[in-house]
Amino acid sequence: MSNQFIAQYVTLAEASYADFSEKTFSDKDVEKAIVDTNENKKGSEKFAESVSSSFSVVAHWKDRENESSFSGTLFQNKETGKICAGD
């Protein structure tokens, strides 16, 4: 496994903490959800732009009914088209 491959998974793991459930999956909404989740972290806007320039959110689930705290997000690499889970 290459360092770049690992770095992408770390990036998606961090991005998956965002709540995309009340958003469309447009680049701007993805960026806003990431920034809102990381509002007190320096550089969150640049991080959000980096994620949205390389990945699209294709699906998101957040369990609100049972409050199990589960959420999962599927990202698609814009360059390769590969799907990756972040949960």
N, C-alpha and C. Protein backbone atom coordinates (compact mmCIF):
# COMPACT_ATOMS: atom_id res chain seq x y z
N MET A 1 0.84 -1.17 0.00
CA MET A 1 0.00 0.00 0.00
C MET A 1 0.90 1.24 0.00
N SER A 2 0.65 2.15 -0.91
CA SER A 2 1.48 3.34 -1.02
C SER A 2 1.07 4.40 0.00
N ASN A 3 1.99 5.30 0.26
CA ASN A 3 1.69 6.40 1.19
C ASN A 3 0.56 7.29 0.66
N GLN A 4 0.51 7.47 -0.65
CA GLN A 4 -0.55 8.30 -1.24
C GLN A 4 -1.91 7.63 -1.02
N PHE A 5 -1.97 6.32 -1.18
CA PHE A 5 -3.21 5.57 -0.97
C PHE A 5 -3.67 5.71 0.48
N ILE A 6 -2.74 5.58 1.42
CA ILE A 6 -3.06 5.72 2.84
C ILE A 6 -3.52 7.14 3.14
N ALA A 7 -2.85 8.13 2.55
CA ALA A 7 -3.21 9.53 2.77
C ALA A 7 -4.64 9.81 2.29
N GLN A 8 -5.04 9.20 1.18
CA GLN A 8 -6.41 9.39 0.69
C GLN A 8 -7.43 8.83 1.69
N TYR A 9 -7.13 7.66 2.25
CA TYR A 9 -8.05 7.08 3.24
C TYR A 9 -8.11 7.92 4.51
N VAL A 10 -7.01 8.48 4.93
CA VAL A 10 -7.00 9.35 6.11
C VAL A 10 -7.85 10.59 5.82
N THR A 11 -7.69 11.16 4.65
CA THR A 11 -8.46 12.33 4.24
C THR A 11 -9.96 12.02 4.25
N LEU A 12 -10.33 10.89 3.66
CA LEU A 12 -11.75 10.53 3.60
C LEU A 12 -12.30 10.17 4.97
N ALA A 13 -11.48 9.58 5.81
CA ALA A 13 -11.93 9.27 7.18
C ALA A 13 -12.25 10.56 7.93
N GLU A 14 -11.41 11.56 7.79
CA GLU A 14 -11.66 12.86 8.44
C GLU A 14 -12.89 13.52 7.84
N ALA A 15 -13.00 13.51 6.51
CA ALA A 15 -14.14 14.16 5.84
C ALA A 15 -15.46 13.48 6.17
N SER A 16 -15.42 12.19 6.44
CA SER A 16 -16.67 11.45 6.69
C SER A 16 -17.34 11.83 8.00
N TYR A 17 -16.66 12.57 8.87
CA TYR A 17 -17.30 13.05 10.10
C TYR A 17 -18.33 14.14 9.82
N ALA A 18 -18.28 14.74 8.63
CA ALA A 18 -19.24 15.78 8.27
C ALA A 18 -20.63 15.17 8.10
N ASP A 19 -21.64 15.94 8.42
CA ASP A 19 -23.02 15.50 8.25
C ASP A 19 -23.53 15.99 6.91
N PHE A 20 -23.55 15.10 5.93
CA PHE A 20 -24.01 15.43 4.59
C PHE A 20 -25.50 15.15 4.42
N SER A 21 -26.19 14.70 5.48
CA SER A 21 -27.57 14.23 5.35
C SER A 21 -28.56 15.34 5.02
N GLU A 22 -28.28 16.55 5.37
CA GLU A 22 -29.19 17.66 5.08
C GLU A 22 -28.70 18.49 3.90
N LYS A 23 -27.79 17.94 3.11
CA LYS A 23 -27.18 18.68 2.01
C LYS A 23 -27.40 17.97 0.68
N THR A 24 -27.27 18.74 -0.40
CA THR A 24 -27.13 18.11 -1.71
C THR A 24 -25.67 17.67 -1.77
N PHE A 25 -25.30 16.96 -2.77
CA PHE A 25 -23.92 16.50 -2.86
C PHE A 25 -23.08 17.37 -3.80
N SER A 26 -23.50 18.63 -3.98
CA SER A 26 -22.71 19.55 -4.80
C SER A 26 -21.39 19.86 -4.09
N ASP A 27 -20.40 20.27 -4.84
CA ASP A 27 -19.10 20.59 -4.25
C ASP A 27 -19.23 21.64 -3.15
N LYS A 28 -20.04 22.66 -3.37
CA LYS A 28 -20.19 23.73 -2.38
C LYS A 28 -20.84 23.22 -1.10
N ASP A 29 -21.87 22.36 -1.23
CA ASP A 29 -22.51 21.81 -0.03
C ASP A 29 -21.58 20.85 0.72
N VAL A 30 -20.80 20.09 -0.03
CA VAL A 30 -19.82 19.19 0.61
C VAL A 30 -18.81 20.02 1.39
N GLU A 31 -18.29 21.08 0.78
CA GLU A 31 -17.35 21.96 1.46
C GLU A 31 -17.97 22.58 2.71
N LYS A 32 -19.20 23.04 2.60
CA LYS A 32 -19.86 23.67 3.75
C LYS A 32 -20.05 22.67 4.89
N ALA A 33 -20.45 21.44 4.58
CA ALA A 33 -20.64 20.42 5.62
C ALA A 33 -19.32 20.12 6.33
N ILE A 34 -18.24 20.04 5.58
CA ILE A 34 -16.92 19.76 6.18
C ILE A 34 -16.48 20.92 7.05
N VAL A 35 -16.63 22.13 6.56
CA VAL A 35 -16.24 23.32 7.34
C VAL A 35 -17.09 23.43 8.60
N ASP A 36 -18.40 23.19 8.48
CA ASP A 36 -19.29 23.27 9.65
C ASP A 36 -18.89 22.25 10.72
N THR A 37 -18.46 21.08 10.31
CA THR A 37 -18.05 20.04 11.25
C THR A 37 -16.74 20.40 11.93
N ASN A 38 -15.87 21.08 11.21
CA ASN A 38 -14.54 21.42 11.71
C ASN A 38 -14.39 22.90 11.99
N GLU A 39 -15.45 23.53 12.47
CA GLU A 39 -15.47 24.99 12.59
C GLU A 39 -14.36 25.58 13.45
N ASN A 40 -13.86 24.82 14.40
CA ASN A 40 -12.80 25.36 15.26
C ASN A 40 -11.40 24.92 14.87
N LYS A 41 -11.29 24.24 13.73
CA LYS A 41 -9.99 23.76 13.29
C LYS A 41 -9.40 24.66 12.23
N LYS A 42 -8.18 25.06 12.43
CA LYS A 42 -7.49 25.91 11.47
C LYS A 42 -7.29 25.13 10.16
N GLY A 43 -7.56 25.78 9.06
CA GLY A 43 -7.35 25.17 7.75
C GLY A 43 -8.50 24.33 7.25
N SER A 44 -9.64 24.36 7.93
CA SER A 44 -10.74 23.50 7.52
C SER A 44 -11.30 23.88 6.14
N GLU A 45 -11.24 25.16 5.79
CA GLU A 45 -11.72 25.57 4.46
C GLU A 45 -10.84 25.00 3.35
N LYS A 46 -9.53 25.05 3.55
CA LYS A 46 -8.62 24.49 2.54
C LYS A 46 -8.77 22.97 2.47
N PHE A 47 -8.97 22.34 3.64
CA PHE A 47 -9.18 20.90 3.66
C PHE A 47 -10.45 20.56 2.89
N ALA A 48 -11.52 21.30 3.13
CA ALA A 48 -12.79 21.06 2.45
C ALA A 48 -12.66 21.23 0.93
N GLU A 49 -11.94 22.25 0.51
CA GLU A 49 -11.72 22.48 -0.92
C GLU A 49 -10.90 21.34 -1.52
N SER A 50 -9.92 20.86 -0.79
CA SER A 50 -9.10 19.76 -1.25
C SER A 50 -9.92 18.49 -1.45
N VAL A 51 -10.79 18.21 -0.48
CA VAL A 51 -11.65 17.02 -0.58
C VAL A 51 -12.58 17.16 -1.78
N SER A 52 -13.26 18.29 -1.90
CA SER A 52 -14.26 18.43 -2.96
C SER A 52 -13.63 18.52 -4.35
N SER A 53 -12.37 18.90 -4.44
CA SER A 53 -11.72 18.94 -5.75
C SER A 53 -11.31 17.54 -6.22
N SER A 54 -11.16 16.61 -5.29
CA SER A 54 -10.72 15.26 -5.65
C SER A 54 -11.82 14.20 -5.55
N PHE A 55 -12.83 14.44 -4.70
CA PHE A 55 -13.86 13.43 -4.44
C PHE A 55 -15.24 14.03 -4.49
N SER A 56 -16.21 13.22 -4.92
CA SER A 56 -17.62 13.56 -4.86
C SER A 56 -18.26 12.67 -3.80
N VAL A 57 -19.25 13.21 -3.10
CA VAL A 57 -20.05 12.39 -2.20
C VAL A 57 -21.16 11.78 -3.05
N VAL A 58 -21.26 10.45 -3.03
CA VAL A 58 -22.30 9.79 -3.83
C VAL A 58 -23.44 9.24 -2.97
N ALA A 59 -23.18 9.03 -1.69
CA ALA A 59 -24.23 8.58 -0.78
C ALA A 59 -23.81 8.87 0.66
N HIS A 60 -24.81 9.13 1.50
CA HIS A 60 -24.54 9.38 2.92
C HIS A 60 -25.72 8.87 3.74
N TRP A 61 -25.43 8.24 4.85
CA TRP A 61 -26.47 7.77 5.76
C TRP A 61 -26.08 8.15 7.18
N LYS A 62 -27.02 8.71 7.90
CA LYS A 62 -26.81 9.02 9.31
C LYS A 62 -28.03 8.54 10.07
N ASP A 63 -27.83 7.66 11.03
CA ASP A 63 -28.93 7.09 11.80
C ASP A 63 -29.43 8.12 12.79
N ARG A 64 -30.60 8.65 12.54
CA ARG A 64 -31.21 9.62 13.45
C ARG A 64 -32.33 8.98 14.26
N GLU A 65 -32.96 7.96 13.69
CA GLU A 65 -34.11 7.36 14.34
C GLU A 65 -33.76 6.67 15.65
N ASN A 66 -32.76 5.85 15.63
CA ASN A 66 -32.39 5.08 16.81
C ASN A 66 -31.24 5.70 17.60
N GLU A 67 -30.69 6.78 17.07
CA GLU A 67 -29.58 7.47 17.72
C GLU A 67 -28.41 6.55 18.06
N SER A 68 -28.08 5.68 17.11
CA SER A 68 -26.95 4.77 17.32
C SER A 68 -25.62 5.45 17.01
N SER A 69 -25.69 6.64 16.47
CA SER A 69 -24.51 7.43 16.09
C SER A 69 -23.80 6.89 14.86
N PHE A 70 -24.38 5.90 14.18
CA PHE A 70 -23.76 5.40 12.96
C PHE A 70 -23.96 6.39 11.83
N SER A 71 -22.91 6.59 11.08
CA SER A 71 -23.04 7.31 9.81
C SER A 71 -22.03 6.71 8.85
N GLY A 72 -22.36 6.76 7.60
CA GLY A 72 -21.46 6.25 6.57
C GLY A 72 -21.57 7.12 5.33
N THR A 73 -20.46 7.28 4.66
CA THR A 73 -20.42 8.11 3.46
C THR A 73 -19.66 7.37 2.38
N LEU A 74 -20.19 7.40 1.16
CA LEU A 74 -19.48 6.87 0.00
C LEU A 74 -18.95 8.04 -0.81
N PHE A 75 -17.68 7.98 -1.09
CA PHE A 75 -17.02 9.00 -1.90
C PHE A 75 -16.61 8.38 -3.23
N GLN A 76 -16.59 9.20 -4.28
CA GLN A 76 -16.10 8.76 -5.58
C GLN A 76 -14.93 9.63 -5.98
N ASN A 77 -13.83 8.98 -6.33
CA ASN A 77 -12.64 9.68 -6.80
C ASN A 77 -12.97 10.29 -8.16
N LYS A 78 -12.84 11.59 -8.31
CA LYS A 78 -13.20 12.26 -9.55
C LYS A 78 -12.28 11.89 -10.70
N GLU A 79 -11.06 11.53 -10.40
CA GLU A 79 -10.10 11.18 -11.44
C GLU A 79 -10.27 9.74 -11.93
N THR A 80 -10.42 8.81 -11.00
CA THR A 80 -10.46 7.39 -11.36
C THR A 80 -11.87 6.80 -11.42
N GLY A 81 -12.83 7.47 -10.76
CA GLY A 81 -14.18 6.95 -10.71
C GLY A 81 -14.39 5.88 -9.65
N LYS A 82 -13.34 5.52 -8.92
CA LYS A 82 -13.45 4.48 -7.89
C LYS A 82 -14.25 4.99 -6.70
N ILE A 83 -15.04 4.08 -6.13
CA ILE A 83 -15.86 4.37 -4.97
C ILE A 83 -15.11 3.93 -3.72
N CYS A 84 -15.19 4.75 -2.66
CA CYS A 84 -14.52 4.44 -1.42
C CYS A 84 -15.45 4.80 -0.26
N ALA A 85 -15.49 3.96 0.75
CA ALA A 85 -16.34 4.23 1.92
C ALA A 85 -15.55 4.97 2.98
N GLY A 86 -16.20 5.90 3.60
CA GLY A 86 -15.68 6.57 4.78
C GLY A 86 -16.75 6.46 5.85
N ASP A 87 -16.44 5.82 6.97
CA ASP A 87 -17.46 5.69 8.00
C ASP A 87 -16.86 5.77 9.38
